[in-house]
């Protein structure tokens, strides 16, 4: 399925598909961007983990994506996604702003506080 998708769009040489990874921390050390083309997702841990490492996310604007991710990380068309890779000012080094986004929006302290409030603790 993925191979056909890559072939029909002429991007097979530009994309690497990986099997399940045991050590994601080490894996993230070798990438600069994370493309997430999912169509039916909720919060994607791969995107959150990559952002926590300072890696730029490029996320498909699936239904509900705007409730999870900042619009600057979202794309609607393949052309928009490609432009996000080549946008002037992109840097190939960790960006603390991505990490801060995760910390502010999905940090454990916020999660625990919301869970306590939900449980009435």
PDB file of N, CA and C in Angstrom:
ATOM      1  N   UNK A   1       0.815  -1.187   0.000  1.00  0.00           N
ATOM      2  CA  UNK A   1       0.000   0.000   0.000  1.00  0.00           C
ATOM      3  C   UNK A   1       0.863   1.257   0.000  1.00  0.00           C
ATOM      4  N   UNK A   2       1.795   1.373   0.944  1.00  0.00           N
ATOM      5  CA  UNK A   2       2.639   2.562   1.004  1.00  0.00           C
ATOM      6  C   UNK A   2       3.514   2.680  -0.230  1.00  0.00           C
ATOM      7  N   UNK A   3       4.023   1.543  -0.685  1.00  0.00           N
ATOM      8  CA  UNK A   3       4.892   1.555  -1.856  1.00  0.00           C
ATOM      9  C   UNK A   3       4.156   2.107  -3.070  1.00  0.00           C
ATOM     10  N   UNK A   4       2.907   1.708  -3.246  1.00  0.00           N
ATOM     11  CA  UNK A   4       2.097   2.199  -4.356  1.00  0.00           C
ATOM     12  C   UNK A   4       1.885   3.706  -4.236  1.00  0.00           C
ATOM     13  N   UNK A   5       1.581   4.150  -3.037  1.00  0.00           N
ATOM     14  CA  UNK A   5       1.378   5.584  -2.794  1.00  0.00           C
ATOM     15  C   UNK A   5       2.633   6.368  -3.164  1.00  0.00           C
ATOM     16  N   UNK A   6       3.784   5.897  -2.728  1.00  0.00           N
ATOM     17  CA  UNK A   6       5.040   6.580  -3.017  1.00  0.00           C
ATOM     18  C   UNK A   6       5.354   6.544  -4.504  1.00  0.00           C
ATOM     19  N   UNK A   7       5.115   5.415  -5.140  1.00  0.00           N
ATOM     20  CA  UNK A   7       5.397   5.278  -6.571  1.00  0.00           C
ATOM     21  C   UNK A   7       4.502   6.176  -7.418  1.00  0.00           C
ATOM     22  N   UNK A   8       3.204   6.204  -7.109  1.00  0.00           N
ATOM     23  CA  UNK A   8       2.284   6.993  -7.932  1.00  0.00           C
ATOM     24  C   UNK A   8       2.519   8.491  -7.795  1.00  0.00           C
ATOM     25  N   UNK A   9       3.184   8.898  -6.748  1.00  0.00           N
ATOM     26  CA  UNK A   9       3.488  10.316  -6.558  1.00  0.00           C
ATOM     27  C   UNK A   9       4.934  10.665  -6.906  1.00  0.00           C
ATOM     28  N   UNK A  10       5.693   9.646  -7.284  1.00  0.00           N
ATOM     29  CA  UNK A  10       7.073   9.884  -7.690  1.00  0.00           C
ATOM     30  C   UNK A  10       7.990  10.313  -6.560  1.00  0.00           C
ATOM     31  N   UNK A  11       7.702   9.836  -5.345  1.00  0.00           N
ATOM     32  CA  UNK A  11       8.505  10.282  -4.196  1.00  0.00           C
ATOM     33  C   UNK A  11       9.188   9.120  -3.469  1.00  0.00           C
ATOM     34  N   UNK A  12       9.238   7.958  -4.081  1.00  0.00           N
ATOM     35  CA  UNK A  12       9.821   6.788  -3.419  1.00  0.00           C
ATOM     36  C   UNK A  12      11.246   7.059  -2.941  1.00  0.00           C
ATOM     37  N   UNK A  13      12.056   7.740  -3.734  1.00  0.00           N
ATOM     38  CA  UNK A  13      13.454   7.984  -3.356  1.00  0.00           C
ATOM     39  C   UNK A  13      13.601   9.016  -2.245  1.00  0.00           C
ATOM     40  N   UNK A  14      12.544   9.778  -1.984  1.00  0.00           N
ATOM     41  CA  UNK A  14      12.615  10.834  -0.972  1.00  0.00           C
ATOM     42  C   UNK A  14      12.069  10.406   0.380  1.00  0.00           C
ATOM     43  N   UNK A  15      11.491   9.205   0.465  1.00  0.00           N
ATOM     44  CA  UNK A  15      10.834   8.761   1.691  1.00  0.00           C
ATOM     45  C   UNK A  15      11.425   7.431   2.140  1.00  0.00           C
ATOM     46  N   UNK A  16      11.651   7.329   3.445  1.00  0.00           N
ATOM     47  CA  UNK A  16      12.113   6.072   4.025  1.00  0.00           C
ATOM     48  C   UNK A  16      11.042   5.564   4.982  1.00  0.00           C
ATOM     49  N   UNK A  17      10.630   4.321   4.781  1.00  0.00           N
ATOM     50  CA  UNK A  17       9.684   3.685   5.699  1.00  0.00           C
ATOM     51  C   UNK A  17      10.475   2.808   6.654  1.00  0.00           C
ATOM     52  N   UNK A  18      10.161   2.890   7.938  1.00  0.00           N
ATOM     53  CA  UNK A  18      10.882   2.148   8.958  1.00  0.00           C
ATOM     54  C   UNK A  18       9.977   1.114   9.619  1.00  0.00           C
ATOM     55  N   UNK A  19      10.552  -0.004  10.010  1.00  0.00           N
ATOM     56  CA  UNK A  19       9.779  -0.973  10.801  1.00  0.00           C
ATOM     57  C   UNK A  19       9.632  -0.417  12.222  1.00  0.00           C
ATOM     58  N   UNK A  20       8.903  -1.093  13.094  1.00  0.00           N
ATOM     59  CA  UNK A  20       8.820  -0.624  14.487  1.00  0.00           C
ATOM     60  C   UNK A  20      10.221  -0.423  15.081  1.00  0.00           C
ATOM     61  N   UNK A  21      10.367   0.665  15.828  1.00  0.00           N
ATOM     62  CA  UNK A  21      11.652   1.061  16.405  1.00  0.00           C
ATOM     63  C   UNK A  21      11.612   0.835  17.913  1.00  0.00           C
ATOM     64  N   UNK A  22      12.637   0.187  18.467  1.00  0.00           N
ATOM     65  CA  UNK A  22      12.698  -0.057  19.912  1.00  0.00           C
ATOM     66  C   UNK A  22      13.148   1.171  20.691  1.00  0.00           C
ATOM     67  N   UNK A  23      14.121   1.916  20.166  1.00  0.00           N
ATOM     68  CA  UNK A  23      14.686   3.066  20.877  1.00  0.00           C
ATOM     69  C   UNK A  23      14.374   4.343  20.102  1.00  0.00           C
ATOM     70  N   UNK A  24      13.209   4.906  20.366  1.00  0.00           N
ATOM     71  CA  UNK A  24      12.780   6.098  19.636  1.00  0.00           C
ATOM     72  C   UNK A  24      13.675   7.300  19.915  1.00  0.00           C
ATOM     73  N   UNK A  25      14.201   7.425  21.110  1.00  0.00           N
ATOM     74  CA  UNK A  25      15.067   8.552  21.428  1.00  0.00           C
ATOM     75  C   UNK A  25      16.261   8.597  20.477  1.00  0.00           C
ATOM     76  N   UNK A  26      16.900   7.460  20.260  1.00  0.00           N
ATOM     77  CA  UNK A  26      18.033   7.393  19.328  1.00  0.00           C
ATOM     78  C   UNK A  26      17.563   7.634  17.901  1.00  0.00           C
ATOM     79  N   UNK A  27      16.415   7.091  17.542  1.00  0.00           N
ATOM     80  CA  UNK A  27      15.879   7.281  16.195  1.00  0.00           C
ATOM     81  C   UNK A  27      15.679   8.764  15.900  1.00  0.00           C
ATOM     82  N   UNK A  28      15.089   9.488  16.854  1.00  0.00           N
ATOM     83  CA  UNK A  28      14.819  10.911  16.627  1.00  0.00           C
ATOM     84  C   UNK A  28      16.099  11.729  16.465  1.00  0.00           C
ATOM     85  N   UNK A  29      17.212  11.246  16.972  1.00  0.00           N
ATOM     86  CA  UNK A  29      18.479  11.964  16.836  1.00  0.00           C
ATOM     87  C   UNK A  29      18.909  12.105  15.377  1.00  0.00           C
ATOM     88  N   UNK A  30      18.428  11.235  14.511  1.00  0.00           N
ATOM     89  CA  UNK A  30      18.891  11.237  13.129  1.00  0.00           C
ATOM     90  C   UNK A  30      17.909  11.875  12.142  1.00  0.00           C
ATOM     91  N   UNK A  31      16.816  12.474  12.632  1.00  0.00           N
ATOM     92  CA  UNK A  31      15.876  13.099  11.703  1.00  0.00           C
ATOM     93  C   UNK A  31      15.717  14.588  12.008  1.00  0.00           C
ATOM     94  N   UNK A  32      15.320  15.338  10.964  1.00  0.00           N
ATOM     95  CA  UNK A  32      15.122  16.778  11.090  1.00  0.00           C
ATOM     96  C   UNK A  32      13.644  17.170  11.058  1.00  0.00           C
ATOM     97  N   UNK A  33      12.820  16.322  10.432  1.00  0.00           N
ATOM     98  CA  UNK A  33      11.398  16.582  10.292  1.00  0.00           C
ATOM     99  C   UNK A  33      10.644  15.286  10.545  1.00  0.00           C
ATOM    100  N   UNK A  34       9.381  15.422  10.978  1.00  0.00           N
ATOM    101  CA  UNK A  34       8.522  14.252  11.095  1.00  0.00           C
ATOM    102  C   UNK A  34       7.261  14.528  10.285  1.00  0.00           C
ATOM    103  N   UNK A  35       7.080  13.775   9.216  1.00  0.00           N
ATOM    104  CA  UNK A  35       5.875  13.870   8.396  1.00  0.00           C
ATOM    105  C   UNK A  35       4.861  12.877   8.925  1.00  0.00           C
ATOM    106  N   UNK A  36       3.679  13.381   9.274  1.00  0.00           N
ATOM    107  CA  UNK A  36       2.614  12.517   9.760  1.00  0.00           C
ATOM    108  C   UNK A  36       1.409  12.669   8.827  1.00  0.00           C
ATOM    109  N   UNK A  37       1.240  11.714   7.891  1.00  0.00           N
ATOM    110  CA  UNK A  37       0.151  11.824   6.919  1.00  0.00           C
ATOM    111  C   UNK A  37      -1.162  11.186   7.355  1.00  0.00           C
ATOM    112  N   UNK A  38      -1.283  10.822   8.624  1.00  0.00           N
ATOM    113  CA  UNK A  38      -2.477  10.134   9.112  1.00  0.00           C
ATOM    114  C   UNK A  38      -3.764  10.860   8.768  1.00  0.00           C
ATOM    115  N   UNK A  39      -4.803  10.083   8.479  1.00  0.00           N
ATOM    116  CA  UNK A  39      -6.104  10.643   8.106  1.00  0.00           C
ATOM    117  C   UNK A  39      -7.127  10.545   9.237  1.00  0.00           C
ATOM    118  N   UNK A  40      -6.925   9.617  10.166  1.00  0.00           N
ATOM    119  CA  UNK A  40      -7.894   9.391  11.242  1.00  0.00           C
ATOM    120  C   UNK A  40      -7.141   9.234  12.550  1.00  0.00           C
ATOM    121  N   UNK A  41      -6.596  10.276  13.043  1.00  0.00           N
ATOM    122  CA  UNK A  41      -5.789  10.199  14.259  1.00  0.00           C
ATOM    123  C   UNK A  41      -6.406  11.045  15.358  1.00  0.00           C
ATOM    124  N   UNK A  42      -5.910  10.808  16.531  1.00  0.00           N
ATOM    125  CA  UNK A  42      -6.129  11.723  17.638  1.00  0.00           C
ATOM    126  C   UNK A  42      -4.732  12.228  17.957  1.00  0.00           C
ATOM    127  N   UNK A  43      -4.385  12.347  19.209  1.00  0.00           N
ATOM    128  CA  UNK A  43      -3.022  12.748  19.546  1.00  0.00           C
ATOM    129  C   UNK A  43      -2.060  11.651  19.100  1.00  0.00           C
ATOM    130  N   UNK A  44      -1.059  12.022  18.329  1.00  0.00           N
ATOM    131  CA  UNK A  44      -0.077  11.052  17.838  1.00  0.00           C
ATOM    132  C   UNK A  44       1.200  11.175  18.676  1.00  0.00           C
ATOM    133  N   UNK A  45       1.533  10.111  19.390  1.00  0.00           N
ATOM    134  CA  UNK A  45       2.716  10.140  20.252  1.00  0.00           C
ATOM    135  C   UNK A  45       3.993  10.384  19.464  1.00  0.00           C
ATOM    136  N   UNK A  46       4.087   9.858  18.244  1.00  0.00           N
ATOM    137  CA  UNK A  46       5.299  10.075  17.438  1.00  0.00           C
ATOM    138  C   UNK A  46       5.504  11.567  17.187  1.00  0.00           C
ATOM    139  N   UNK A  47       4.433  12.286  16.888  1.00  0.00           N
ATOM    140  CA  UNK A  47       4.539  13.731  16.665  1.00  0.00           C
ATOM    141  C   UNK A  47       4.942  14.420  17.966  1.00  0.00           C
ATOM    142  N   UNK A  48       4.281  14.084  19.065  1.00  0.00           N
ATOM    143  CA  UNK A  48       4.607  14.690  20.358  1.00  0.00           C
ATOM    144  C   UNK A  48       6.029  14.406  20.790  1.00  0.00           C
ATOM    145  N   UNK A  49       6.471  13.167  20.632  1.00  0.00           N
ATOM    146  CA  UNK A  49       7.852  12.812  21.002  1.00  0.00           C
ATOM    147  C   UNK A  49       8.856  13.553  20.141  1.00  0.00           C
ATOM    148  N   UNK A  50       8.589  13.615  18.843  1.00  0.00           N
ATOM    149  CA  UNK A  50       9.510  14.317  17.950  1.00  0.00           C
ATOM    150  C   UNK A  50       9.594  15.793  18.322  1.00  0.00           C
ATOM    151  N   UNK A  51       8.452  16.404  18.577  1.00  0.00           N
ATOM    152  CA  UNK A  51       8.457  17.818  18.966  1.00  0.00           C
ATOM    153  C   UNK A  51       9.208  18.025  20.272  1.00  0.00           C
ATOM    154  N   UNK A  52       9.052  17.100  21.203  1.00  0.00           N
ATOM    155  CA  UNK A  52       9.770  17.203  22.477  1.00  0.00           C
ATOM    156  C   UNK A  52      11.274  17.145  22.257  1.00  0.00           C
ATOM    157  N   UNK A  53      11.706  16.530  21.162  1.00  0.00           N
ATOM    158  CA  UNK A  53      13.128  16.481  20.799  1.00  0.00           C
ATOM    159  C   UNK A  53      13.529  17.690  19.955  1.00  0.00           C
ATOM    160  N   UNK A  54      12.578  18.604  19.680  1.00  0.00           N
ATOM    161  CA  UNK A  54      12.889  19.795  18.901  1.00  0.00           C
ATOM    162  C   UNK A  54      12.783  19.599  17.404  1.00  0.00           C
ATOM    163  N   UNK A  55      12.067  18.571  16.970  1.00  0.00           N
ATOM    164  CA  UNK A  55      11.943  18.239  15.553  1.00  0.00           C
ATOM    165  C   UNK A  55      10.656  18.835  14.996  1.00  0.00           C
ATOM    166  N   UNK A  56      10.766  19.437  13.812  1.00  0.00           N
ATOM    167  CA  UNK A  56       9.607  20.067  13.188  1.00  0.00           C
ATOM    168  C   UNK A  56       8.597  19.018  12.737  1.00  0.00           C
ATOM    169  N   UNK A  57       7.321  19.161  13.159  1.00  0.00           N
ATOM    170  CA  UNK A  57       6.276  18.248  12.702  1.00  0.00           C
ATOM    171  C   UNK A  57       5.587  18.808  11.457  1.00  0.00           C
ATOM    172  N   UNK A  58       5.218  17.930  10.561  1.00  0.00           N
ATOM    173  CA  UNK A  58       4.429  18.284   9.381  1.00  0.00           C
ATOM    174  C   UNK A  58       3.260  17.296   9.392  1.00  0.00           C
ATOM    175  N   UNK A  59       2.093  17.785   9.816  1.00  0.00           N
ATOM    176  CA  UNK A  59       0.963  16.921  10.159  1.00  0.00           C
ATOM    177  C   UNK A  59      -0.215  17.159   9.219  1.00  0.00           C
ATOM    178  N   UNK A  60      -0.784  16.073   8.714  1.00  0.00           N
ATOM    179  CA  UNK A  60      -1.974  16.169   7.888  1.00  0.00           C
ATOM    180  C   UNK A  60      -3.108  16.808   8.696  1.00  0.00           C
ATOM    181  N   UNK A  61      -3.831  17.714   8.069  1.00  0.00           N
ATOM    182  CA  UNK A  61      -4.934  18.417   8.728  1.00  0.00           C
ATOM    183  C   UNK A  61      -6.192  17.547   8.712  1.00  0.00           C
ATOM    184  N   UNK A  62      -6.144  16.434   9.428  1.00  0.00           N
ATOM    185  CA  UNK A  62      -7.279  15.529   9.537  1.00  0.00           C
ATOM    186  C   UNK A  62      -8.362  16.180  10.389  1.00  0.00           C
ATOM    187  N   UNK A  63      -9.567  15.606  10.365  1.00  0.00           N
ATOM    188  CA  UNK A  63     -10.660  16.139  11.161  1.00  0.00           C
ATOM    189  C   UNK A  63     -10.253  16.168  12.634  1.00  0.00           C
ATOM    190  N   UNK A  64     -10.285  17.332  13.244  1.00  0.00           N
ATOM    191  CA  UNK A  64      -9.940  17.487  14.652  1.00  0.00           C
ATOM    192  C   UNK A  64      -8.488  17.852  14.899  1.00  0.00           C
ATOM    193  N   UNK A  65      -7.661  17.888  13.860  1.00  0.00           N
ATOM    194  CA  UNK A  65      -6.235  18.189  14.045  1.00  0.00           C
ATOM    195  C   UNK A  65      -6.023  19.570  14.660  1.00  0.00           C
ATOM    196  N   UNK A  66      -6.860  20.515  14.300  1.00  0.00           N
ATOM    197  CA  UNK A  66      -6.707  21.881  14.822  1.00  0.00           C
ATOM    198  C   UNK A  66      -6.986  21.960  16.317  1.00  0.00           C
ATOM    199  N   UNK A  67      -7.668  20.951  16.845  1.00  0.00           N
ATOM    200  CA  UNK A  67      -7.914  20.896  18.285  1.00  0.00           C
ATOM    201  C   UNK A  67      -6.705  20.360  19.042  1.00  0.00           C
ATOM    202  N   UNK A  68      -5.769  19.761  18.320  1.00  0.00           N
ATOM    203  CA  UNK A  68      -4.601  19.133  18.934  1.00  0.00           C
ATOM    204  C   UNK A  68      -3.322  19.899  18.632  1.00  0.00           C
ATOM    205  N   UNK A  69      -3.148  20.277  17.366  1.00  0.00           N
ATOM    206  CA  UNK A  69      -1.890  20.879  16.907  1.00  0.00           C
ATOM    207  C   UNK A  69      -2.103  22.303  16.436  1.00  0.00           C
ATOM    208  N   UNK A  70      -1.080  23.121  16.591  1.00  0.00           N
ATOM    209  CA  UNK A  70      -1.087  24.487  16.093  1.00  0.00           C
ATOM    210  C   UNK A  70      -1.185  24.448  14.569  1.00  0.00           C
ATOM    211  N   UNK A  71      -1.914  25.380  13.984  1.00  0.00           N
ATOM    212  CA  UNK A  71      -2.128  25.369  12.534  1.00  0.00           C
ATOM    213  C   UNK A  71      -0.832  25.483  11.742  1.00  0.00           C
ATOM    214  N   UNK A  72       0.219  26.031  12.333  1.00  0.00           N
ATOM    215  CA  UNK A  72       1.487  26.141  11.611  1.00  0.00           C
ATOM    216  C   UNK A  72       2.123  24.780  11.341  1.00  0.00           C
ATOM    217  N   UNK A  73       1.667  23.736  12.020  1.00  0.00           N
ATOM    218  CA  UNK A  73       2.200  22.382  11.823  1.00  0.00           C
ATOM    219  C   UNK A  73       1.366  21.568  10.836  1.00  0.00           C
ATOM    220  N   UNK A  74       0.241  22.123  10.364  1.00  0.00           N
ATOM    221  CA  UNK A  74      -0.721  21.357   9.577  1.00  0.00           C
ATOM    222  C   UNK A  74      -0.652  21.670   8.093  1.00  0.00           C
ATOM    223  N   UNK A  75      -0.908  20.650   7.283  1.00  0.00           N
ATOM    224  CA  UNK A  75      -1.005  20.841   5.837  1.00  0.00           C
ATOM    225  C   UNK A  75      -2.291  20.214   5.324  1.00  0.00           C
ATOM    226  N   UNK A  76      -2.785  20.748   4.203  1.00  0.00           N
ATOM    227  CA  UNK A  76      -4.002  20.230   3.579  1.00  0.00           C
ATOM    228  C   UNK A  76      -3.728  19.477   2.287  1.00  0.00           C
ATOM    229  N   UNK A  77      -2.676  19.847   1.593  1.00  0.00           N
ATOM    230  CA  UNK A  77      -2.352  19.204   0.313  1.00  0.00           C
ATOM    231  C   UNK A  77      -0.897  18.744   0.339  1.00  0.00           C
ATOM    232  N   UNK A  78      -0.581  17.853  -0.584  1.00  0.00           N
ATOM    233  CA  UNK A  78       0.804  17.391  -0.677  1.00  0.00           C
ATOM    234  C   UNK A  78       1.740  18.552  -0.986  1.00  0.00           C
ATOM    235  N   UNK A  79       1.267  19.481  -1.795  1.00  0.00           N
ATOM    236  CA  UNK A  79       2.086  20.643  -2.148  1.00  0.00           C
ATOM    237  C   UNK A  79       2.409  21.482  -0.911  1.00  0.00           C
ATOM    238  N   UNK A  80       1.417  21.668  -0.039  1.00  0.00           N
ATOM    239  CA  UNK A  80       1.646  22.413   1.201  1.00  0.00           C
ATOM    240  C   UNK A  80       2.660  21.694   2.084  1.00  0.00           C
ATOM    241  N   UNK A  81       2.566  20.379   2.156  1.00  0.00           N
ATOM    242  CA  UNK A  81       3.514  19.613   2.977  1.00  0.00           C
ATOM    243  C   UNK A  81       4.925  19.796   2.460  1.00  0.00           C
ATOM    244  N   UNK A  82       5.106  19.709   1.157  1.00  0.00           N
ATOM    245  CA  UNK A  82       6.442  19.875   0.564  1.00  0.00           C
ATOM    246  C   UNK A  82       6.988  21.261   0.875  1.00  0.00           C
ATOM    247  N   UNK A  83       6.151  22.283   0.763  1.00  0.00           N
ATOM    248  CA  UNK A  83       6.590  23.653   1.061  1.00  0.00           C
ATOM    249  C   UNK A  83       7.039  23.791   2.513  1.00  0.00           C
ATOM    250  N   UNK A  84       6.415  23.036   3.411  1.00  0.00           N
ATOM    251  CA  UNK A  84       6.790  23.118   4.827  1.00  0.00           C
ATOM    252  C   UNK A  84       8.200  22.578   5.057  1.00  0.00           C
ATOM    253  N   UNK A  85       8.633  21.649   4.217  1.00  0.00           N
ATOM    254  CA  UNK A  85      10.004  21.152   4.316  1.00  0.00           C
ATOM    255  C   UNK A  85      11.002  22.194   3.850  1.00  0.00           C
ATOM    256  N   UNK A  86      10.605  22.969   2.874  1.00  0.00           N
ATOM    257  CA  UNK A  86      11.540  23.891   2.229  1.00  0.00           C
ATOM    258  C   UNK A  86      11.295  25.350   2.565  1.00  0.00           C
ATOM    259  N   UNK A  87      10.495  25.598   3.569  1.00  0.00           N
ATOM    260  CA  UNK A  87      10.178  26.976   3.958  1.00  0.00           C
ATOM    261  C   UNK A  87      11.444  27.715   4.379  1.00  0.00           C
ATOM    262  N   UNK A  88      11.633  28.965   3.867  1.00  0.00           N
ATOM    263  CA  UNK A  88      12.806  29.739   4.315  1.00  0.00           C
ATOM    264  C   UNK A  88      12.820  29.864   5.835  1.00  0.00           C
ATOM    265  N   UNK A  89      13.964  29.759   6.397  1.00  0.00           N
ATOM    266  CA  UNK A  89      14.100  29.858   7.838  1.00  0.00           C
ATOM    267  C   UNK A  89      14.072  28.506   8.528  1.00  0.00           C
ATOM    268  N   UNK A  90      13.736  27.447   7.786  1.00  0.00           N
ATOM    269  CA  UNK A  90      13.792  26.119   8.395  1.00  0.00           C
ATOM    270  C   UNK A  90      15.212  25.834   8.826  1.00  0.00           C
ATOM    271  N   UNK A  91      15.327  25.186   9.912  1.00  0.00           N
ATOM    272  CA  UNK A  91      16.655  24.868  10.431  1.00  0.00           C
ATOM    273  C   UNK A  91      16.769  23.384  10.642  1.00  0.00           C
ATOM    274  N   UNK A  92      17.934  22.878  10.419  1.00  0.00           N
ATOM    275  CA  UNK A  92      18.161  21.446  10.620  1.00  0.00           C
ATOM    276  C   UNK A  92      18.860  21.248  11.952  1.00  0.00           C
ATOM    277  N   UNK A  93      18.231  21.724  12.991  1.00  0.00           N
ATOM    278  CA  UNK A  93      18.724  21.508  14.352  1.00  0.00           C
ATOM    279  C   UNK A  93      17.513  21.591  15.275  1.00  0.00           C
ATOM    280  N   UNK A  94      17.625  21.074  16.454  1.00  0.00           N
ATOM    281  CA  UNK A  94      16.466  21.110  17.353  1.00  0.00           C
ATOM    282  C   UNK A  94      15.976  22.534  17.605  1.00  0.00           C
ATOM    283  N   UNK A  95      14.686  22.691  17.636  1.00  0.00           N
ATOM    284  CA  UNK A  95      14.052  23.981  17.885  1.00  0.00           C
ATOM    285  C   UNK A  95      13.325  23.903  19.224  1.00  0.00           C
ATOM    286  N   UNK A  96      13.759  24.703  20.163  1.00  0.00           N
ATOM    287  CA  UNK A  96      13.198  24.684  21.518  1.00  0.00           C
ATOM    288  C   UNK A  96      11.719  25.053  21.516  1.00  0.00           C
ATOM    289  N   UNK A  97      11.255  25.793  20.496  1.00  0.00           N
ATOM    290  CA  UNK A  97       9.851  26.172  20.444  1.00  0.00           C
ATOM    291  C   UNK A  97       8.932  24.964  20.292  1.00  0.00           C
ATOM    292  N   UNK A  98       9.371  23.952  19.564  1.00  0.00           N
ATOM    293  CA  UNK A  98       8.567  22.738  19.435  1.00  0.00           C
ATOM    294  C   UNK A  98       8.479  22.028  20.786  1.00  0.00           C
ATOM    295  N   UNK A  99       9.601  21.956  21.476  1.00  0.00           N
ATOM    296  CA  UNK A  99       9.617  21.320  22.797  1.00  0.00           C
ATOM    297  C   UNK A  99       8.708  22.081  23.764  1.00  0.00           C
ATOM    298  N   UNK A 100       8.807  23.394  23.741  1.00  0.00           N
ATOM    299  CA  UNK A 100       7.973  24.211  24.623  1.00  0.00           C
ATOM    300  C   UNK A 100       6.492  24.028  24.323  1.00  0.00           C
ATOM    301  N   UNK A 101       6.131  23.885  23.048  1.00  0.00           N
ATOM    302  CA  UNK A 101       4.730  23.659  22.675  1.00  0.00           C
ATOM    303  C   UNK A 101       4.202  22.400  23.355  1.00  0.00           C
ATOM    304  N   UNK A 102       4.975  21.334  23.313  1.00  0.00           N
ATOM    305  CA  UNK A 102       4.557  20.076  23.943  1.00  0.00           C
ATOM    306  C   UNK A 102       4.485  20.241  25.456  1.00  0.00           C
ATOM    307  N   UNK A 103       5.481  20.884  26.022  1.00  0.00           N
ATOM    308  CA  UNK A 103       5.508  21.069  27.477  1.00  0.00           C
ATOM    309  C   UNK A 103       4.297  21.876  27.949  1.00  0.00           C
ATOM    310  N   UNK A 104       3.968  22.938  27.223  1.00  0.00           N
ATOM    311  CA  UNK A 104       2.864  23.805  27.623  1.00  0.00           C
ATOM    312  C   UNK A 104       1.495  23.164  27.385  1.00  0.00           C
ATOM    313  N   UNK A 105       1.365  22.397  26.319  1.00  0.00           N
ATOM    314  CA  UNK A 105       0.063  21.849  25.947  1.00  0.00           C
ATOM    315  C   UNK A 105      -0.177  20.412  26.389  1.00  0.00           C
ATOM    316  N   UNK A 106       0.900  19.638  26.533  1.00  0.00           N
ATOM    317  CA  UNK A 106       0.734  18.217  26.830  1.00  0.00           C
ATOM    318  C   UNK A 106       1.683  17.718  27.917  1.00  0.00           C
ATOM    319  N   UNK A 107       2.159  18.604  28.755  1.00  0.00           N
ATOM    320  CA  UNK A 107       3.059  18.218  29.833  1.00  0.00           C
ATOM    321  C   UNK A 107       2.363  17.377  30.894  1.00  0.00           C
ATOM    322  N   UNK A 108       3.145  16.588  31.605  1.00  0.00           N
ATOM    323  CA  UNK A 108       2.574  15.716  32.639  1.00  0.00           C
ATOM    324  C   UNK A 108       1.878  16.491  33.744  1.00  0.00           C
ATOM    325  N   UNK A 109       2.438  17.628  34.149  1.00  0.00           N
ATOM    326  CA  UNK A 109       1.811  18.403  35.223  1.00  0.00           C
ATOM    327  C   UNK A 109       0.396  18.815  34.838  1.00  0.00           C
ATOM    328  N   UNK A 110       0.231  19.270  33.607  1.00  0.00           N
ATOM    329  CA  UNK A 110      -1.098  19.668  33.136  1.00  0.00           C
ATOM    330  C   UNK A 110      -2.021  18.452  33.091  1.00  0.00           C
ATOM    331  N   UNK A 111      -1.509  17.336  32.594  1.00  0.00           N
ATOM    332  CA  UNK A 111      -2.301  16.109  32.520  1.00  0.00           C
ATOM    333  C   UNK A 111      -2.764  15.664  33.903  1.00  0.00           C
ATOM    334  N   UNK A 112      -1.846  15.624  34.859  1.00  0.00           N
ATOM    335  CA  UNK A 112      -2.201  15.196  36.221  1.00  0.00           C
ATOM    336  C   UNK A 112      -3.209  16.152  36.858  1.00  0.00           C
ATOM    337  N   UNK A 113      -3.022  17.439  36.650  1.00  0.00           N
ATOM    338  CA  UNK A 113      -3.946  18.423  37.204  1.00  0.00           C
ATOM    339  C   UNK A 113      -5.344  18.222  36.624  1.00  0.00           C
ATOM    340  N   UNK A 114      -5.435  18.055  35.314  1.00  0.00           N
ATOM    341  CA  UNK A 114      -6.737  17.853  34.680  1.00  0.00           C
ATOM    342  C   UNK A 114      -7.381  16.543  35.125  1.00  0.00           C
ATOM    343  N   UNK A 115      -6.561  15.519  35.308  1.00  0.00           N
ATOM    344  CA  UNK A 115      -7.081  14.235  35.775  1.00  0.00           C
ATOM    345  C   UNK A 115      -7.623  14.365  37.192  1.00  0.00           C
ATOM    346  N   UNK A 116      -6.880  15.063  38.054  1.00  0.00           N
ATOM    347  CA  UNK A 116      -7.343  15.293  39.432  1.00  0.00           C
ATOM    348  C   UNK A 116      -8.656  16.064  39.454  1.00  0.00           C
ATOM    349  N   UNK A 117      -8.736  17.093  38.607  1.00  0.00           N
ATOM    350  CA  UNK A 117      -9.973  17.882  38.554  1.00  0.00           C
ATOM    351  C   UNK A 117     -11.136  17.030  38.076  1.00  0.00           C
ATOM    352  N   UNK A 118     -10.899  16.201  37.085  1.00  0.00           N
ATOM    353  CA  UNK A 118     -11.949  15.330  36.561  1.00  0.00           C
ATOM    354  C   UNK A 118     -12.435  14.358  37.643  1.00  0.00           C
ATOM    355  N   UNK A 119     -11.499  13.839  38.433  1.00  0.00           N
ATOM    356  CA  UNK A 119     -11.834  12.888  39.482  1.00  0.00           C
ATOM    357  C   UNK A 119     -12.321  13.571  40.756  1.00  0.00           C
ATOM    358  N   UNK A 120     -12.199  14.909  40.800  1.00  0.00           N
ATOM    359  CA  UNK A 120     -12.647  15.636  41.978  1.00  0.00           C
ATOM    360  C   UNK A 120     -11.698  15.520  43.157  1.00  0.00           C
ATOM    361  N   UNK A 121     -10.429  15.342  42.871  1.00  0.00           N
ATOM    362  CA  UNK A 121      -9.436  15.183  43.931  1.00  0.00           C
ATOM    363  C   UNK A 121      -8.846  16.531  44.285  1.00  0.00           C
TER     364      UNK A 121
END
